[in-house]
Amino acid sequence: MKKTILTVVGKDSVGIIAKVCTYLAENKINILDISQTIVQGFFNMMMIVDTNEASKSLDEISDDLDKIGEEIGVRIQVQLEDIFNMMHRL
């Protein structure tokens, strides 16, 4: 299993989750865990996904999600679990 961390942050609007999840499903990326919250109009979502069966490379996925983020007014960041863990350890 190739776990990848997705974070989505920005001003809340209709369809953010739908747009991101549709892209993931179309590219054979399975959602393993998801957490989202809205604080005073700002949307924050963190997902752990399995990209092992993905139809695209991680770089292509990241580029595609950057474009989707621009379209819907959020920032979407993609990181492999190992890199995420190394960046956030004490």
N, C-alpha and C. Protein backbone atom coordinates (compact mmCIF):
# COMPACT_ATOMS: atom_id res chain seq x y z
N MET A 1 0.85 -1.18 0.00
CA MET A 1 0.00 0.00 0.00
C MET A 1 0.90 1.24 0.00
N LYS A 2 0.56 2.18 -0.84
CA LYS A 2 1.33 3.42 -0.98
C LYS A 2 0.47 4.57 -0.44
N LYS A 3 0.62 4.85 0.87
CA LYS A 3 -0.20 5.89 1.50
C LYS A 3 0.32 7.27 1.14
N THR A 4 -0.63 8.14 0.85
CA THR A 4 -0.34 9.52 0.48
C THR A 4 -1.27 10.43 1.28
N ILE A 5 -0.73 11.57 1.71
CA ILE A 5 -1.50 12.53 2.49
C ILE A 5 -1.92 13.68 1.57
N LEU A 6 -3.23 13.96 1.56
CA LEU A 6 -3.77 15.11 0.83
C LEU A 6 -4.30 16.11 1.84
N THR A 7 -3.94 17.37 1.68
CA THR A 7 -4.54 18.41 2.49
C THR A 7 -5.20 19.42 1.56
N VAL A 8 -6.37 19.88 1.98
CA VAL A 8 -7.14 20.85 1.19
C VAL A 8 -7.52 21.98 2.14
N VAL A 9 -7.11 23.20 1.81
CA VAL A 9 -7.37 24.35 2.67
C VAL A 9 -7.83 25.52 1.81
N GLY A 10 -8.85 26.24 2.29
CA GLY A 10 -9.31 27.43 1.59
C GLY A 10 -10.65 27.89 2.08
N LYS A 11 -11.16 28.92 1.46
CA LYS A 11 -12.48 29.45 1.81
C LYS A 11 -13.53 28.42 1.41
N ASP A 12 -14.47 28.18 2.30
CA ASP A 12 -15.50 27.16 2.05
C ASP A 12 -16.41 27.54 0.89
N SER A 13 -16.74 26.55 0.10
CA SER A 13 -17.71 26.73 -0.99
C SER A 13 -18.33 25.38 -1.31
N VAL A 14 -19.42 25.40 -2.02
CA VAL A 14 -20.12 24.17 -2.39
C VAL A 14 -19.28 23.35 -3.35
N GLY A 15 -19.17 22.04 -3.10
CA GLY A 15 -18.58 21.12 -4.06
C GLY A 15 -17.11 20.79 -3.89
N ILE A 16 -16.46 21.29 -2.85
CA ILE A 16 -15.03 21.01 -2.69
C ILE A 16 -14.80 19.50 -2.55
N ILE A 17 -15.49 18.88 -1.62
CA ILE A 17 -15.30 17.45 -1.38
C ILE A 17 -15.69 16.65 -2.62
N ALA A 18 -16.78 17.02 -3.25
CA ALA A 18 -17.24 16.30 -4.44
C ALA A 18 -16.20 16.36 -5.55
N LYS A 19 -15.63 17.51 -5.78
CA LYS A 19 -14.65 17.68 -6.86
C LYS A 19 -13.40 16.84 -6.59
N VAL A 20 -12.90 16.90 -5.37
CA VAL A 20 -11.68 16.15 -5.02
C VAL A 20 -11.95 14.65 -5.07
N CYS A 21 -13.06 14.22 -4.47
CA CYS A 21 -13.37 12.78 -4.42
C CYS A 21 -13.66 12.20 -5.80
N THR A 22 -14.29 12.97 -6.66
CA THR A 22 -14.55 12.52 -8.03
C THR A 22 -13.23 12.28 -8.75
N TYR A 23 -12.29 13.21 -8.60
CA TYR A 23 -10.98 13.05 -9.23
C TYR A 23 -10.30 11.78 -8.71
N LEU A 24 -10.32 11.58 -7.40
CA LEU A 24 -9.67 10.41 -6.82
C LEU A 24 -10.28 9.12 -7.37
N ALA A 25 -11.60 9.04 -7.40
CA ALA A 25 -12.28 7.84 -7.89
C ALA A 25 -11.95 7.57 -9.35
N GLU A 26 -11.94 8.61 -10.16
CA GLU A 26 -11.65 8.46 -11.59
C GLU A 26 -10.22 7.97 -11.84
N ASN A 27 -9.33 8.17 -10.87
CA ASN A 27 -7.93 7.79 -11.03
C ASN A 27 -7.53 6.63 -10.14
N LYS A 28 -8.53 5.86 -9.68
CA LYS A 28 -8.31 4.63 -8.91
C LYS A 28 -7.52 4.87 -7.63
N ILE A 29 -7.80 5.98 -6.96
CA ILE A 29 -7.16 6.32 -5.70
C ILE A 29 -8.19 6.11 -4.59
N ASN A 30 -7.88 5.21 -3.67
CA ASN A 30 -8.81 4.84 -2.61
C ASN A 30 -8.62 5.72 -1.38
N ILE A 31 -9.72 6.23 -0.83
CA ILE A 31 -9.68 7.03 0.39
C ILE A 31 -9.68 6.07 1.58
N LEU A 32 -8.63 6.15 2.41
CA LEU A 32 -8.51 5.30 3.58
C LEU A 32 -9.05 5.98 4.83
N ASP A 33 -8.87 7.29 4.93
CA ASP A 33 -9.34 8.06 6.09
C ASP A 33 -9.53 9.50 5.64
N ILE A 34 -10.49 10.16 6.27
CA ILE A 34 -10.78 11.55 5.89
C ILE A 34 -11.28 12.31 7.11
N SER A 35 -10.81 13.54 7.22
CA SER A 35 -11.27 14.43 8.28
C SER A 35 -11.43 15.81 7.67
N GLN A 36 -12.56 16.44 7.95
CA GLN A 36 -12.75 17.80 7.43
C GLN A 36 -13.49 18.63 8.45
N THR A 37 -13.18 19.90 8.42
CA THR A 37 -13.84 20.84 9.32
C THR A 37 -13.95 22.20 8.63
N ILE A 38 -14.90 22.97 9.09
CA ILE A 38 -15.07 24.33 8.61
C ILE A 38 -15.04 25.23 9.84
N VAL A 39 -14.12 26.19 9.85
CA VAL A 39 -13.97 27.11 10.96
C VAL A 39 -14.14 28.53 10.43
N GLN A 40 -15.19 29.19 10.87
CA GLN A 40 -15.49 30.56 10.47
C GLN A 40 -15.35 30.77 8.96
N GLY A 41 -15.92 29.85 8.20
CA GLY A 41 -15.95 29.99 6.75
C GLY A 41 -14.74 29.44 6.02
N PHE A 42 -13.78 28.89 6.75
CA PHE A 42 -12.59 28.33 6.12
C PHE A 42 -12.63 26.81 6.19
N PHE A 43 -12.41 26.19 5.04
CA PHE A 43 -12.50 24.75 4.88
C PHE A 43 -11.12 24.13 5.07
N ASN A 44 -11.06 23.04 5.82
CA ASN A 44 -9.81 22.31 6.03
C ASN A 44 -10.11 20.82 5.97
N MET A 45 -9.43 20.10 5.09
CA MET A 45 -9.63 18.65 4.96
C MET A 45 -8.27 17.96 4.86
N MET A 46 -8.18 16.84 5.55
CA MET A 46 -6.99 16.00 5.45
C MET A 46 -7.46 14.61 5.09
N MET A 47 -6.82 14.01 4.10
CA MET A 47 -7.18 12.67 3.66
C MET A 47 -5.92 11.81 3.63
N ILE A 48 -6.09 10.54 3.99
CA ILE A 48 -5.06 9.55 3.76
C ILE A 48 -5.61 8.66 2.65
N VAL A 49 -4.86 8.56 1.57
CA VAL A 49 -5.33 7.80 0.42
C VAL A 49 -4.28 6.76 0.02
N ASP A 50 -4.75 5.75 -0.69
CA ASP A 50 -3.87 4.70 -1.21
C ASP A 50 -3.69 4.94 -2.70
N THR A 51 -2.48 5.28 -3.12
CA THR A 51 -2.21 5.58 -4.53
C THR A 51 -1.55 4.40 -5.25
N ASN A 52 -1.53 3.24 -4.61
CA ASN A 52 -0.87 2.08 -5.19
C ASN A 52 -1.45 1.68 -6.55
N GLU A 53 -2.75 1.78 -6.72
CA GLU A 53 -3.41 1.38 -7.97
C GLU A 53 -3.70 2.58 -8.87
N ALA A 54 -3.17 3.75 -8.52
CA ALA A 54 -3.45 4.97 -9.28
C ALA A 54 -3.06 4.83 -10.74
N SER A 55 -3.87 5.43 -11.59
CA SER A 55 -3.61 5.36 -13.03
C SER A 55 -2.58 6.41 -13.48
N LYS A 56 -2.11 7.27 -12.55
CA LYS A 56 -1.14 8.31 -12.88
C LYS A 56 -0.03 8.32 -11.84
N SER A 57 1.08 8.98 -12.18
CA SER A 57 2.19 9.12 -11.24
C SER A 57 1.81 10.15 -10.17
N LEU A 58 2.55 10.15 -9.07
CA LEU A 58 2.28 11.11 -7.99
C LEU A 58 2.46 12.55 -8.47
N ASP A 59 3.44 12.79 -9.33
CA ASP A 59 3.64 14.13 -9.87
C ASP A 59 2.45 14.57 -10.71
N GLU A 60 1.92 13.66 -11.53
CA GLU A 60 0.74 14.00 -12.34
C GLU A 60 -0.48 14.25 -11.45
N ILE A 61 -0.65 13.43 -10.43
CA ILE A 61 -1.76 13.61 -9.50
C ILE A 61 -1.65 14.97 -8.82
N SER A 62 -0.46 15.30 -8.35
CA SER A 62 -0.23 16.58 -7.68
C SER A 62 -0.54 17.75 -8.62
N ASP A 63 -0.07 17.68 -9.85
CA ASP A 63 -0.33 18.74 -10.83
C ASP A 63 -1.83 18.88 -11.11
N ASP A 64 -2.50 17.74 -11.30
CA ASP A 64 -3.95 17.77 -11.56
C ASP A 64 -4.70 18.39 -10.39
N LEU A 65 -4.34 17.99 -9.17
CA LEU A 65 -5.03 18.52 -7.99
C LEU A 65 -4.71 19.99 -7.77
N ASP A 66 -3.51 20.44 -8.15
CA ASP A 66 -3.20 21.87 -8.11
C ASP A 66 -4.18 22.65 -8.99
N LYS A 67 -4.41 22.12 -10.20
CA LYS A 67 -5.32 22.78 -11.14
C LYS A 67 -6.75 22.79 -10.61
N ILE A 68 -7.18 21.66 -10.06
CA ILE A 68 -8.53 21.59 -9.48
C ILE A 68 -8.64 22.59 -8.33
N GLY A 69 -7.61 22.65 -7.50
CA GLY A 69 -7.61 23.61 -6.39
C GLY A 69 -7.75 25.04 -6.87
N GLU A 70 -7.03 25.40 -7.92
CA GLU A 70 -7.13 26.74 -8.50
C GLU A 70 -8.56 27.01 -8.98
N GLU A 71 -9.17 26.03 -9.63
CA GLU A 71 -10.53 26.18 -10.15
C GLU A 71 -11.54 26.44 -9.04
N ILE A 72 -11.37 25.77 -7.90
CA ILE A 72 -12.38 25.87 -6.84
C ILE A 72 -11.94 26.77 -5.68
N GLY A 73 -10.77 27.39 -5.80
CA GLY A 73 -10.34 28.37 -4.81
C GLY A 73 -9.77 27.81 -3.52
N VAL A 74 -9.11 26.65 -3.62
CA VAL A 74 -8.47 26.07 -2.44
C VAL A 74 -7.04 25.67 -2.81
N ARG A 75 -6.25 25.37 -1.79
CA ARG A 75 -4.90 24.85 -2.01
C ARG A 75 -4.90 23.38 -1.66
N ILE A 76 -4.45 22.55 -2.59
CA ILE A 76 -4.40 21.10 -2.37
C ILE A 76 -2.94 20.69 -2.41
N GLN A 77 -2.51 20.05 -1.33
CA GLN A 77 -1.12 19.59 -1.22
C GLN A 77 -1.10 18.07 -1.16
N VAL A 78 -0.15 17.46 -1.85
CA VAL A 78 -0.02 16.01 -1.93
C VAL A 78 1.38 15.62 -1.46
N GLN A 79 1.45 14.69 -0.48
CA GLN A 79 2.74 14.22 0.01
C GLN A 79 2.68 12.73 0.31
N LEU A 80 3.74 12.01 -0.02
CA LEU A 80 3.83 10.62 0.41
C LEU A 80 3.86 10.57 1.93
N GLU A 81 3.29 9.53 2.51
CA GLU A 81 3.21 9.41 3.97
C GLU A 81 4.59 9.51 4.62
N ASP A 82 5.59 8.86 4.05
CA ASP A 82 6.93 8.89 4.64
C ASP A 82 7.49 10.31 4.70
N ILE A 83 7.31 11.06 3.65
CA ILE A 83 7.80 12.45 3.62
C ILE A 83 7.02 13.29 4.63
N PHE A 84 5.71 13.12 4.66
CA PHE A 84 4.86 13.85 5.62
C PHE A 84 5.33 13.57 7.05
N ASN A 85 5.55 12.29 7.37
CA ASN A 85 5.99 11.91 8.71
C ASN A 85 7.34 12.53 9.06
N MET A 86 8.27 12.53 8.12
CA MET A 86 9.58 13.10 8.38
C MET A 86 9.50 14.62 8.60
N MET A 87 8.63 15.28 7.88
CA MET A 87 8.49 16.73 8.02
C MET A 87 7.82 17.12 9.34
N HIS A 88 7.02 16.22 9.93
CA HIS A 88 6.24 16.58 11.11
C HIS A 88 6.67 15.85 12.38
N ARG A 89 7.86 15.30 12.37
CA ARG A 89 8.33 14.65 13.59
C ARG A 89 9.13 15.65 14.41
N LEU A 90 9.19 15.40 15.69
CA LEU A 90 9.92 16.31 16.58
C LEU A 90 11.38 15.97 16.65
